[in-house]
């Protein structure tokens, strides 16, 4: 089950989704099989299979799929920038 909130902030407001480099992705589906919250899916597109990201499913600050990807096709946004966004959202919430 994916997070509905992270640190009191709605998950949908936190930009923490995997980024797939489709030039490197071989559609091996290791990320699909690995991710226990279902952040990835295999989709048929233009007659071939493509791995896609399901927005807001990824657990904030989880990077396990990066390690499991044999071609290094998966990255995430900057942890530092994401934390700044979370801190800013928390400050707004407290006002």
PDB file of N, CA and C in Angstrom:
ATOM      1  N   UNK A   1       0.840  -1.184   0.000  1.00  0.00           N
ATOM      2  CA  UNK A   1       0.000   0.000   0.000  1.00  0.00           C
ATOM      3  C   UNK A   1       0.886   1.249   0.000  1.00  0.00           C
ATOM      4  N   UNK A   2       0.588   2.182  -0.840  1.00  0.00           N
ATOM      5  CA  UNK A   2       1.393   3.393  -0.907  1.00  0.00           C
ATOM      6  C   UNK A   2       0.958   4.384   0.172  1.00  0.00           C
ATOM      7  N   UNK A   3       1.789   5.374   0.387  1.00  0.00           N
ATOM      8  CA  UNK A   3       1.505   6.382   1.401  1.00  0.00           C
ATOM      9  C   UNK A   3       0.400   7.328   0.949  1.00  0.00           C
ATOM     10  N   UNK A   4      -0.465   7.690   1.868  1.00  0.00           N
ATOM     11  CA  UNK A   4      -1.453   8.736   1.600  1.00  0.00           C
ATOM     12  C   UNK A   4      -0.897  10.079   2.051  1.00  0.00           C
ATOM     13  N   UNK A   5      -0.042  10.019   3.084  1.00  0.00           N
ATOM     14  CA  UNK A   5       0.627  11.206   3.604  1.00  0.00           C
ATOM     15  C   UNK A   5       2.069  10.872   3.922  1.00  0.00           C
ATOM     16  N   UNK A   6       2.892  11.902   3.921  1.00  0.00           N
ATOM     17  CA  UNK A   6       4.270  11.761   4.374  1.00  0.00           C
ATOM     18  C   UNK A   6       4.532  12.923   5.311  1.00  0.00           C
ATOM     19  N   UNK A   7       4.840  12.621   6.551  1.00  0.00           N
ATOM     20  CA  UNK A   7       5.143  13.646   7.552  1.00  0.00           C
ATOM     21  C   UNK A   7       4.011  14.682   7.642  1.00  0.00           C
ATOM     22  N   UNK A   8       2.776  14.204   7.509  1.00  0.00           N
ATOM     23  CA  UNK A   8       1.609  15.074   7.614  1.00  0.00           C
ATOM     24  C   UNK A   8       1.243  15.818   6.342  1.00  0.00           C
ATOM     25  N   UNK A   9       1.988  15.599   5.274  1.00  0.00           N
ATOM     26  CA  UNK A   9       1.748  16.266   3.988  1.00  0.00           C
ATOM     27  C   UNK A   9       1.102  15.263   3.033  1.00  0.00           C
ATOM     28  N   UNK A  10       0.027  15.656   2.323  1.00  0.00           N
ATOM     29  CA  UNK A  10      -0.560  14.736   1.337  1.00  0.00           C
ATOM     30  C   UNK A  10       0.495  14.290   0.322  1.00  0.00           C
ATOM     31  N   UNK A  11       0.564  13.004   0.097  1.00  0.00           N
ATOM     32  CA  UNK A  11       1.574  12.438  -0.812  1.00  0.00           C
ATOM     33  C   UNK A  11       1.503  13.062  -2.202  1.00  0.00           C
ATOM     34  N   UNK A  12       0.319  13.415  -2.640  1.00  0.00           N
ATOM     35  CA  UNK A  12       0.152  13.985  -3.982  1.00  0.00           C
ATOM     36  C   UNK A  12       0.848  15.337  -4.153  1.00  0.00           C
ATOM     37  N   UNK A  13       1.218  15.982  -3.058  1.00  0.00           N
ATOM     38  CA  UNK A  13       1.896  17.282  -3.133  1.00  0.00           C
ATOM     39  C   UNK A  13       3.422  17.158  -3.138  1.00  0.00           C
ATOM     40  N   UNK A  14       3.923  15.934  -2.950  1.00  0.00           N
ATOM     41  CA  UNK A  14       5.369  15.726  -2.860  1.00  0.00           C
ATOM     42  C   UNK A  14       5.888  15.128  -4.171  1.00  0.00           C
ATOM     43  N   UNK A  15       6.765  15.850  -4.862  1.00  0.00           N
ATOM     44  CA  UNK A  15       7.266  15.381  -6.159  1.00  0.00           C
ATOM     45  C   UNK A  15       8.355  14.311  -6.005  1.00  0.00           C
ATOM     46  N   UNK A  16       7.943  13.101  -5.672  1.00  0.00           N
ATOM     47  CA  UNK A  16       8.892  12.007  -5.498  1.00  0.00           C
ATOM     48  C   UNK A  16       8.406  10.789  -6.287  1.00  0.00           C
ATOM     49  N   UNK A  17       8.582  10.834  -7.571  1.00  0.00           N
ATOM     50  CA  UNK A  17       8.250   9.707  -8.434  1.00  0.00           C
ATOM     51  C   UNK A  17       9.504   9.278  -9.172  1.00  0.00           C
ATOM     52  N   UNK A  18       9.638   7.973  -9.432  1.00  0.00           N
ATOM     53  CA  UNK A  18      10.784   7.514 -10.206  1.00  0.00           C
ATOM     54  C   UNK A  18      10.776   8.152 -11.600  1.00  0.00           C
ATOM     55  N   UNK A  19      11.943   8.337 -12.147  1.00  0.00           N
ATOM     56  CA  UNK A  19      12.097   8.867 -13.502  1.00  0.00           C
ATOM     57  C   UNK A  19      12.765   7.778 -14.325  1.00  0.00           C
ATOM     58  N   UNK A  20      12.135   7.398 -15.427  1.00  0.00           N
ATOM     59  CA  UNK A  20      12.675   6.335 -16.275  1.00  0.00           C
ATOM     60  C   UNK A  20      13.334   6.948 -17.504  1.00  0.00           C
ATOM     61  N   UNK A  21      14.582   6.562 -17.725  1.00  0.00           N
ATOM     62  CA  UNK A  21      15.305   6.956 -18.932  1.00  0.00           C
ATOM     63  C   UNK A  21      14.991   5.882 -19.977  1.00  0.00           C
ATOM     64  N   UNK A  22      14.081   6.210 -20.893  1.00  0.00           N
ATOM     65  CA  UNK A  22      13.621   5.221 -21.865  1.00  0.00           C
ATOM     66  C   UNK A  22      14.683   4.834 -22.882  1.00  0.00           C
ATOM     67  N   UNK A  23      15.746   5.602 -22.987  1.00  0.00           N
ATOM     68  CA  UNK A  23      16.865   5.222 -23.861  1.00  0.00           C
ATOM     69  C   UNK A  23      17.622   4.037 -23.257  1.00  0.00           C
ATOM     70  N   UNK A  24      17.586   3.917 -21.932  1.00  0.00           N
ATOM     71  CA  UNK A  24      18.314   2.849 -21.229  1.00  0.00           C
ATOM     72  C   UNK A  24      17.412   1.679 -20.828  1.00  0.00           C
ATOM     73  N   UNK A  25      16.112   1.943 -20.663  1.00  0.00           N
ATOM     74  CA  UNK A  25      15.177   0.922 -20.177  1.00  0.00           C
ATOM     75  C   UNK A  25      15.012  -0.202 -21.213  1.00  0.00           C
ATOM     76  N   UNK A  26      15.189  -1.435 -20.741  1.00  0.00           N
ATOM     77  CA  UNK A  26      15.028  -2.604 -21.624  1.00  0.00           C
ATOM     78  C   UNK A  26      13.699  -3.317 -21.389  1.00  0.00           C
ATOM     79  N   UNK A  27      12.853  -2.739 -20.549  1.00  0.00           N
ATOM     80  CA  UNK A  27      11.557  -3.310 -20.187  1.00  0.00           C
ATOM     81  C   UNK A  27      11.719  -4.723 -19.623  1.00  0.00           C
ATOM     82  N   UNK A  28      12.709  -4.900 -18.779  1.00  0.00           N
ATOM     83  CA  UNK A  28      12.946  -6.204 -18.157  1.00  0.00           C
ATOM     84  C   UNK A  28      11.928  -6.494 -17.055  1.00  0.00           C
ATOM     85  N   UNK A  29      11.249  -5.445 -16.589  1.00  0.00           N
ATOM     86  CA  UNK A  29      10.210  -5.533 -15.555  1.00  0.00           C
ATOM     87  C   UNK A  29      10.728  -5.874 -14.164  1.00  0.00           C
ATOM     88  N   UNK A  30      12.027  -5.781 -13.944  1.00  0.00           N
ATOM     89  CA  UNK A  30      12.546  -6.034 -12.588  1.00  0.00           C
ATOM     90  C   UNK A  30      11.985  -5.014 -11.601  1.00  0.00           C
ATOM     91  N   UNK A  31      11.799  -3.777 -12.041  1.00  0.00           N
ATOM     92  CA  UNK A  31      11.230  -2.748 -11.162  1.00  0.00           C
ATOM     93  C   UNK A  31       9.770  -3.053 -10.840  1.00  0.00           C
ATOM     94  N   UNK A  32       9.036  -3.529 -11.827  1.00  0.00           N
ATOM     95  CA  UNK A  32       7.622  -3.878 -11.633  1.00  0.00           C
ATOM     96  C   UNK A  32       7.514  -4.989 -10.597  1.00  0.00           C
ATOM     97  N   UNK A  33       8.359  -5.999 -10.736  1.00  0.00           N
ATOM     98  CA  UNK A  33       8.344  -7.134  -9.809  1.00  0.00           C
ATOM     99  C   UNK A  33       8.853  -6.736  -8.425  1.00  0.00           C
ATOM    100  N   UNK A  34       9.818  -5.845  -8.360  1.00  0.00           N
ATOM    101  CA  UNK A  34      10.443  -5.441  -7.101  1.00  0.00           C
ATOM    102  C   UNK A  34       9.555  -4.552  -6.232  1.00  0.00           C
ATOM    103  N   UNK A  35       8.880  -3.589  -6.826  1.00  0.00           N
ATOM    104  CA  UNK A  35       8.179  -2.553  -6.073  1.00  0.00           C
ATOM    105  C   UNK A  35       6.915  -3.101  -5.410  1.00  0.00           C
ATOM    106  N   UNK A  36       6.947  -3.176  -4.074  1.00  0.00           N
ATOM    107  CA  UNK A  36       5.821  -3.739  -3.326  1.00  0.00           C
ATOM    108  C   UNK A  36       4.635  -2.784  -3.204  1.00  0.00           C
ATOM    109  N   UNK A  37       4.791  -1.524  -3.632  1.00  0.00           N
ATOM    110  CA  UNK A  37       3.668  -0.587  -3.599  1.00  0.00           C
ATOM    111  C   UNK A  37       3.090  -0.317  -4.991  1.00  0.00           C
ATOM    112  N   UNK A  38       3.621  -0.976  -6.000  1.00  0.00           N
ATOM    113  CA  UNK A  38       3.064  -0.855  -7.348  1.00  0.00           C
ATOM    114  C   UNK A  38       3.305   0.476  -8.024  1.00  0.00           C
ATOM    115  N   UNK A  39       4.497   1.043  -7.835  1.00  0.00           N
ATOM    116  CA  UNK A  39       4.820   2.334  -8.457  1.00  0.00           C
ATOM    117  C   UNK A  39       5.089   2.213  -9.956  1.00  0.00           C
ATOM    118  N   UNK A  40       5.255   0.984 -10.443  1.00  0.00           N
ATOM    119  CA  UNK A  40       5.525   0.756 -11.863  1.00  0.00           C
ATOM    120  C   UNK A  40       4.477  -0.171 -12.462  1.00  0.00           C
ATOM    121  N   UNK A  41       4.303  -0.064 -13.760  1.00  0.00           N
ATOM    122  CA  UNK A  41       3.425  -0.980 -14.483  1.00  0.00           C
ATOM    123  C   UNK A  41       4.025  -1.220 -15.860  1.00  0.00           C
ATOM    124  N   UNK A  42       3.684  -2.346 -16.417  1.00  0.00           N
ATOM    125  CA  UNK A  42       4.091  -2.659 -17.778  1.00  0.00           C
ATOM    126  C   UNK A  42       2.878  -2.377 -18.658  1.00  0.00           C
ATOM    127  N   UNK A  43       3.072  -1.554 -19.663  1.00  0.00           N
ATOM    128  CA  UNK A  43       1.957  -1.099 -20.492  1.00  0.00           C
ATOM    129  C   UNK A  43       2.263  -1.350 -21.962  1.00  0.00           C
ATOM    130  N   UNK A  44       1.261  -1.805 -22.692  1.00  0.00           N
ATOM    131  CA  UNK A  44       1.444  -1.993 -24.132  1.00  0.00           C
ATOM    132  C   UNK A  44       1.182  -0.646 -24.807  1.00  0.00           C
ATOM    133  N   UNK A  45       2.166  -0.198 -25.555  1.00  0.00           N
ATOM    134  CA  UNK A  45       2.081   1.106 -26.198  1.00  0.00           C
ATOM    135  C   UNK A  45       2.681   1.020 -27.593  1.00  0.00           C
ATOM    136  N   UNK A  46       1.914   1.405 -28.578  1.00  0.00           N
ATOM    137  CA  UNK A  46       2.365   1.367 -29.973  1.00  0.00           C
ATOM    138  C   UNK A  46       2.922   0.002 -30.363  1.00  0.00           C
ATOM    139  N   UNK A  47       2.216  -1.050 -29.935  1.00  0.00           N
ATOM    140  CA  UNK A  47       2.593  -2.403 -30.321  1.00  0.00           C
ATOM    141  C   UNK A  47       3.720  -3.030 -29.524  1.00  0.00           C
ATOM    142  N   UNK A  48       4.314  -2.301 -28.581  1.00  0.00           N
ATOM    143  CA  UNK A  48       5.381  -2.882 -27.773  1.00  0.00           C
ATOM    144  C   UNK A  48       5.131  -2.578 -26.301  1.00  0.00           C
ATOM    145  N   UNK A  49       5.861  -3.261 -25.454  1.00  0.00           N
ATOM    146  CA  UNK A  49       5.731  -3.077 -24.008  1.00  0.00           C
ATOM    147  C   UNK A  49       6.599  -1.912 -23.553  1.00  0.00           C
ATOM    148  N   UNK A  50       6.094  -1.189 -22.559  1.00  0.00           N
ATOM    149  CA  UNK A  50       6.828  -0.059 -21.992  1.00  0.00           C
ATOM    150  C   UNK A  50       6.577  -0.049 -20.487  1.00  0.00           C
ATOM    151  N   UNK A  51       7.613   0.195 -19.707  1.00  0.00           N
ATOM    152  CA  UNK A  51       7.462   0.324 -18.268  1.00  0.00           C
ATOM    153  C   UNK A  51       7.069   1.764 -17.977  1.00  0.00           C
ATOM    154  N   UNK A  52       6.024   1.944 -17.180  1.00  0.00           N
ATOM    155  CA  UNK A  52       5.552   3.289 -16.855  1.00  0.00           C
ATOM    156  C   UNK A  52       5.486   3.477 -15.339  1.00  0.00           C
ATOM    157  N   UNK A  53       5.505   4.724 -14.909  1.00  0.00           N
ATOM    158  CA  UNK A  53       5.422   5.076 -13.499  1.00  0.00           C
ATOM    159  C   UNK A  53       3.980   5.450 -13.172  1.00  0.00           C
ATOM    160  N   UNK A  54       3.496   4.942 -12.053  1.00  0.00           N
ATOM    161  CA  UNK A  54       2.178   5.343 -11.549  1.00  0.00           C
ATOM    162  C   UNK A  54       2.417   6.482 -10.553  1.00  0.00           C
ATOM    163  N   UNK A  55       1.985   7.690 -10.879  1.00  0.00           N
ATOM    164  CA  UNK A  55       2.264   8.853 -10.027  1.00  0.00           C
ATOM    165  C   UNK A  55       1.784   8.693  -8.582  1.00  0.00           C
ATOM    166  N   UNK A  56       2.598   9.211  -7.680  1.00  0.00           N
ATOM    167  CA  UNK A  56       2.310   9.275  -6.245  1.00  0.00           C
ATOM    168  C   UNK A  56       2.193   7.922  -5.550  1.00  0.00           C
ATOM    169  N   UNK A  57       2.702   6.868  -6.153  1.00  0.00           N
ATOM    170  CA  UNK A  57       2.696   5.554  -5.519  1.00  0.00           C
ATOM    171  C   UNK A  57       3.983   5.292  -4.751  1.00  0.00           C
ATOM    172  N   UNK A  58       5.068   5.850  -5.215  1.00  0.00           N
ATOM    173  CA  UNK A  58       6.387   5.598  -4.638  1.00  0.00           C
ATOM    174  C   UNK A  58       6.447   6.110  -3.193  1.00  0.00           C
ATOM    175  N   UNK A  59       7.068   5.332  -2.324  1.00  0.00           N
ATOM    176  CA  UNK A  59       7.284   5.752  -0.954  1.00  0.00           C
ATOM    177  C   UNK A  59       8.347   6.859  -0.959  1.00  0.00           C
ATOM    178  N   UNK A  60       8.045   7.973  -0.319  1.00  0.00           N
ATOM    179  CA  UNK A  60       8.947   9.123  -0.323  1.00  0.00           C
ATOM    180  C   UNK A  60      10.321   8.718   0.219  1.00  0.00           C
ATOM    181  N   UNK A  61      11.332   9.040  -0.542  1.00  0.00           N
ATOM    182  CA  UNK A  61      12.748   8.783  -0.281  1.00  0.00           C
ATOM    183  C   UNK A  61      13.169   7.320  -0.468  1.00  0.00           C
ATOM    184  N   UNK A  62      12.288   6.463  -0.931  1.00  0.00           N
ATOM    185  CA  UNK A  62      12.686   5.096  -1.288  1.00  0.00           C
ATOM    186  C   UNK A  62      13.399   5.156  -2.639  1.00  0.00           C
ATOM    187  N   UNK A  63      14.489   4.412  -2.763  1.00  0.00           N
ATOM    188  CA  UNK A  63      15.263   4.356  -4.009  1.00  0.00           C
ATOM    189  C   UNK A  63      15.607   2.914  -4.397  1.00  0.00           C
ATOM    190  N   UNK A  64      14.915   1.962  -3.817  1.00  0.00           N
ATOM    191  CA  UNK A  64      15.236   0.555  -4.052  1.00  0.00           C
ATOM    192  C   UNK A  64      15.232   0.150  -5.512  1.00  0.00           C
ATOM    193  N   UNK A  65      14.338   0.716  -6.289  1.00  0.00           N
ATOM    194  CA  UNK A  65      14.251   0.356  -7.707  1.00  0.00           C
ATOM    195  C   UNK A  65      15.499   0.791  -8.477  1.00  0.00           C
ATOM    196  N   UNK A  66      16.158   1.836  -8.015  1.00  0.00           N
ATOM    197  CA  UNK A  66      17.392   2.273  -8.677  1.00  0.00           C
ATOM    198  C   UNK A  66      18.447   1.173  -8.595  1.00  0.00           C
ATOM    199  N   UNK A  67      18.518   0.522  -7.432  1.00  0.00           N
ATOM    200  CA  UNK A  67      19.507  -0.542  -7.241  1.00  0.00           C
ATOM    201  C   UNK A  67      19.158  -1.804  -8.010  1.00  0.00           C
ATOM    202  N   UNK A  68      17.881  -2.067  -8.197  1.00  0.00           N
ATOM    203  CA  UNK A  68      17.444  -3.304  -8.853  1.00  0.00           C
ATOM    204  C   UNK A  68      17.514  -3.199 -10.389  1.00  0.00           C
ATOM    205  N   UNK A  69      17.521  -1.981 -10.917  1.00  0.00           N
ATOM    206  CA  UNK A  69      17.528  -1.793 -12.377  1.00  0.00           C
ATOM    207  C   UNK A  69      18.911  -2.129 -12.948  1.00  0.00           C
ATOM    208  N   UNK A  70      18.995  -3.160 -13.809  1.00  0.00           N
ATOM    209  CA  UNK A  70      20.299  -3.578 -14.319  1.00  0.00           C
ATOM    210  C   UNK A  70      20.949  -2.593 -15.295  1.00  0.00           C
ATOM    211  N   UNK A  71      20.160  -1.667 -15.854  1.00  0.00           N
ATOM    212  CA  UNK A  71      20.738  -0.727 -16.815  1.00  0.00           C
ATOM    213  C   UNK A  71      20.879   0.690 -16.256  1.00  0.00           C
ATOM    214  N   UNK A  72      20.486   0.886 -14.999  1.00  0.00           N
ATOM    215  CA  UNK A  72      20.576   2.220 -14.403  1.00  0.00           C
ATOM    216  C   UNK A  72      19.611   3.210 -15.031  1.00  0.00           C
ATOM    217  N   UNK A  73      18.459   2.723 -15.478  1.00  0.00           N
ATOM    218  CA  UNK A  73      17.498   3.573 -16.174  1.00  0.00           C
ATOM    219  C   UNK A  73      16.573   4.341 -15.232  1.00  0.00           C
ATOM    220  N   UNK A  74      16.651   4.070 -13.924  1.00  0.00           N
ATOM    221  CA  UNK A  74      15.741   4.710 -12.981  1.00  0.00           C
ATOM    222  C   UNK A  74      16.501   5.655 -12.053  1.00  0.00           C
ATOM    223  N   UNK A  75      15.971   6.860 -11.930  1.00  0.00           N
ATOM    224  CA  UNK A  75      16.499   7.842 -10.986  1.00  0.00           C
ATOM    225  C   UNK A  75      15.307   8.466 -10.254  1.00  0.00           C
ATOM    226  N   UNK A  76      15.610   9.313  -9.303  1.00  0.00           N
ATOM    227  CA  UNK A  76      14.590  10.040  -8.556  1.00  0.00           C
ATOM    228  C   UNK A  76      15.000  11.504  -8.477  1.00  0.00           C
ATOM    229  N   UNK A  77      14.050  12.359  -8.097  1.00  0.00           N
ATOM    230  CA  UNK A  77      14.405  13.764  -7.898  1.00  0.00           C
ATOM    231  C   UNK A  77      15.436  13.903  -6.771  1.00  0.00           C
ATOM    232  N   UNK A  78      15.994  15.059  -6.643  1.00  0.00           N
ATOM    233  CA  UNK A  78      16.969  15.350  -5.592  1.00  0.00           C
ATOM    234  C   UNK A  78      16.314  15.234  -4.210  1.00  0.00           C
ATOM    235  N   UNK A  79      16.956  14.473  -3.315  1.00  0.00           N
ATOM    236  CA  UNK A  79      16.435  14.352  -1.950  1.00  0.00           C
ATOM    237  C   UNK A  79      16.454  15.711  -1.250  1.00  0.00           C
ATOM    238  N   UNK A  80      17.501  16.457  -1.478  1.00  0.00           N
ATOM    239  CA  UNK A  80      17.633  17.772  -0.841  1.00  0.00           C
ATOM    240  C   UNK A  80      16.499  18.698  -1.281  1.00  0.00           C
ATOM    241  N   UNK A  81      16.237  18.764  -2.579  1.00  0.00           N
ATOM    242  CA  UNK A  81      15.164  19.618  -3.098  1.00  0.00           C
ATOM    243  C   UNK A  81      13.797  19.135  -2.615  1.00  0.00           C
ATOM    244  N   UNK A  82      13.614  17.824  -2.595  1.00  0.00           N
ATOM    245  CA  UNK A  82      12.342  17.267  -2.132  1.00  0.00           C
ATOM    246  C   UNK A  82      12.116  17.604  -0.669  1.00  0.00           C
ATOM    247  N   UNK A  83      13.159  17.516   0.153  1.00  0.00           N
ATOM    248  CA  UNK A  83      13.023  17.852   1.566  1.00  0.00           C
ATOM    249  C   UNK A  83      12.688  19.328   1.746  1.00  0.00           C
ATOM    250  N   UNK A  84      13.267  20.190   0.908  1.00  0.00           N
ATOM    251  CA  UNK A  84      12.949  21.620   0.979  1.00  0.00           C
ATOM    252  C   UNK A  84      11.467  21.850   0.683  1.00  0.00           C
ATOM    253  N   UNK A  85      10.938  21.136  -0.293  1.00  0.00           N
ATOM    254  CA  UNK A  85       9.519  21.256  -0.641  1.00  0.00           C
ATOM    255  C   UNK A  85       8.655  20.776   0.523  1.00  0.00           C
ATOM    256  N   UNK A  86       9.029  19.661   1.127  1.00  0.00           N
ATOM    257  CA  UNK A  86       8.282  19.125   2.272  1.00  0.00           C
ATOM    258  C   UNK A  86       8.307  20.128   3.421  1.00  0.00           C
ATOM    259  N   UNK A  87       9.481  20.674   3.722  1.00  0.00           N
ATOM    260  CA  UNK A  87       9.604  21.647   4.800  1.00  0.00           C
ATOM    261  C   UNK A  87       8.723  22.878   4.537  1.00  0.00           C
ATOM    262  N   UNK A  88       8.720  23.333   3.302  1.00  0.00           N
ATOM    263  CA  UNK A  88       7.901  24.491   2.939  1.00  0.00           C
ATOM    264  C   UNK A  88       6.409  24.177   3.103  1.00  0.00           C
ATOM    265  N   UNK A  89       5.997  22.991   2.675  1.00  0.00           N
ATOM    266  CA  UNK A  89       4.598  22.581   2.816  1.00  0.00           C
ATOM    267  C   UNK A  89       4.209  22.445   4.299  1.00  0.00           C
ATOM    268  N   UNK A  90       5.124  21.941   5.112  1.00  0.00           N
ATOM    269  CA  UNK A  90       4.851  21.812   6.547  1.00  0.00           C
ATOM    270  C   UNK A  90       4.692  23.199   7.181  1.00  0.00           C
ATOM    271  N   UNK A  91       5.521  24.143   6.772  1.00  0.00           N
ATOM    272  CA  UNK A  91       5.444  25.496   7.297  1.00  0.00           C
ATOM    273  C   UNK A  91       4.093  26.127   6.937  1.00  0.00           C
ATOM    274  N   UNK A  92       3.640  25.941   5.709  1.00  0.00           N
ATOM    275  CA  UNK A  92       2.344  26.473   5.270  1.00  0.00           C
ATOM    276  C   UNK A  92       1.214  25.836   6.081  1.00  0.00           C
ATOM    277  N   UNK A  93       1.342  24.549   6.352  1.00  0.00           N
ATOM    278  CA  UNK A  93       0.307  23.826   7.077  1.00  0.00           C
ATOM    279  C   UNK A  93       0.189  24.331   8.517  1.00  0.00           C
ATOM    280  N   UNK A  94       1.315  24.709   9.105  1.00  0.00           N
ATOM    281  CA  UNK A  94       1.344  25.153  10.498  1.00  0.00           C
ATOM    282  C   UNK A  94       0.776  26.569  10.665  1.00  0.00           C
ATOM    283  N   UNK A  95       0.735  27.344   9.595  1.00  0.00           N
ATOM    284  CA  UNK A  95       0.258  28.737   9.686  1.00  0.00           C
ATOM    285  C   UNK A  95      -1.234  28.787   9.840  1.00  0.00           C
TER     286      UNK A  95
END
